[in-house]
C-alpha cells in the first residue's frame, strides 16, 4: 500500500520548515546568550568604575583635606631645650621665640575661629600647643598660614643667632574633649582623644623626619 499522493512532498516541506524553525530558535538563544554576556560585562565595568572612583575619592580626601569637619594641629619647637641652654634663656620665662610663637598661634586661631586646647602660655611663653579648628576648612590656606608661622620662628631664631624650627602635626577629627583631673594631668590625658592622638602621631613623624616640616594624617 502506497502513501497518498503528495505525501513525500508535504513531508519534505514539514522537515524543511522544522529545520528552519530550529535554526531560528538556535539563533534566538545565541542572541539571548550574547545579550546576557554583554549585560554581565556592563555590570562588571560599572562595579570596577565605582571601585576605582571610591579609591580615588579616598586618596584625594586623605591627601588634600580640602573640606573637613574638624582639624587638630599640634605645634612644637624643635630642640628647644638645647636652644635655651645655648642662649642662656631662663626656663619658664618668655623669650623672643616662645613669645613670638604665642602671638602667632593666637593670631592663627583667631583668623580660623579656632580653639587653643593645650599649651598656649602668655606668662611663660609657648613651647608647644594644640589647636582645634572646626567647620569648612581650606587645606591650602591652613598650610600657607602654618608655613608662615614656621618662617617667622626661623627668622626670629636667626636674629638671635640660633636655628629655630617647628614641627607640626595635623589630623582630622572626631575631636574628643578631655578634662584634666589635676594640674599635671594635661599631657597624660590630652592624648586619649582620637584626633589628639593622630595629631601627636603626625608630630612625632615630623620629628623623625628631621623636624621643620608639616605632616598631615
Foldseek 3Di string as FASTA:
>chain_A
DDDDPPPVVVVVVVVVVVVVVVVVVVVVVVVVVVVVVVVVVVVVVVVVVVVVVVVVVVVCCQPFVAWAFKKKKKKAKPPVVVVCVVLVPDAQADDLLQQLLLVLVVVLCVVQVKDWPDFRDNGRGGGMTMIMGGGTDGSVVNVVSVLVSQVVSQVSQVVSVHGMGMFMFMEGDDFDDDDAPDPPRCVVGVCPGPNSVRRVVQRVVCVVVPGRDYGYD
